Amino acid sequence: MARTGRLLVAAIGVALLAFVAGFIVFAGSIEHSAPPEIERADGIVVLTGGPLRLSAAAELLAAGFGGRLLISGVNHLTTRDDLFRKSGLTHAQFDCCVDVGYSAHDTSGNASEAKQWVEAHRFARLIVVTSSYHMPRSLTELGRALPNVTLIPYPVVPSTLRVDRWWMHAATMRLLFTEYLKFLPSAARFGVARLLAQWDGGALALPRHAPARAS
């Protein structure tokens, strides 16, 4: 019994160490500055839920980095006119090239909504716009839904993350830790989906992330 207890304590210690180490790696991977350059793509998807995301995506559309823009996860009380006023686009740009998705209620839903949109337009390259802390989970969910689409991240950095030493700022650390807890189930679902695909003889590739550079 004593040996079993020691093994259990050791296992818990290893799991806790792995959890903490994973959080440190996760937090260190979050971008703390906006990308200076970005590749062109077929389309752009912006995941609602944070400030400045829509305006950043609209600027990419207006600059010609994508042919169409999907605003995913819009609240049912928000109209196209509301989004138009917030986007900063012209009427012609918004009317011709912006699609609004109301069905998504979480990041997994964003991925499902984006999948339908991407398949309808037969896009092969997609710029993903969301907050920097939300980007790892977004790429994991989108990579699971769209394994054959190249995902180009364009993280929007909120003011709470524009710090050099995130561990010294309680609000920043709390935000990153909360997102880390949400990221773990997404990563687990992706891993399970990949294993199942391999079991069935398929091939679910890891999310393909293109480097951020101007083309």
Foldseek 3Di string as FASTA:
>chain_A
DVVVVVVVVVVVVVVVVVLVVVLVVLLVPFDLDWDPFAEAWAEEEEEDDDPPQLQVRLVCCVVRSYQAYEDEQDAPVQDLVNSVVVRPDDPVSSVPHYHYYHQDDDLLSRLVVVLVVCVVVVIQEYEYEDARLQVLLNLLSNLLSCVRHEYEYGHDYDPLSNDDDQVVDPVSSVVNVVSSVVSVVSNVVSVVSQVVCVVVVHGRDRHHYDDGHYD
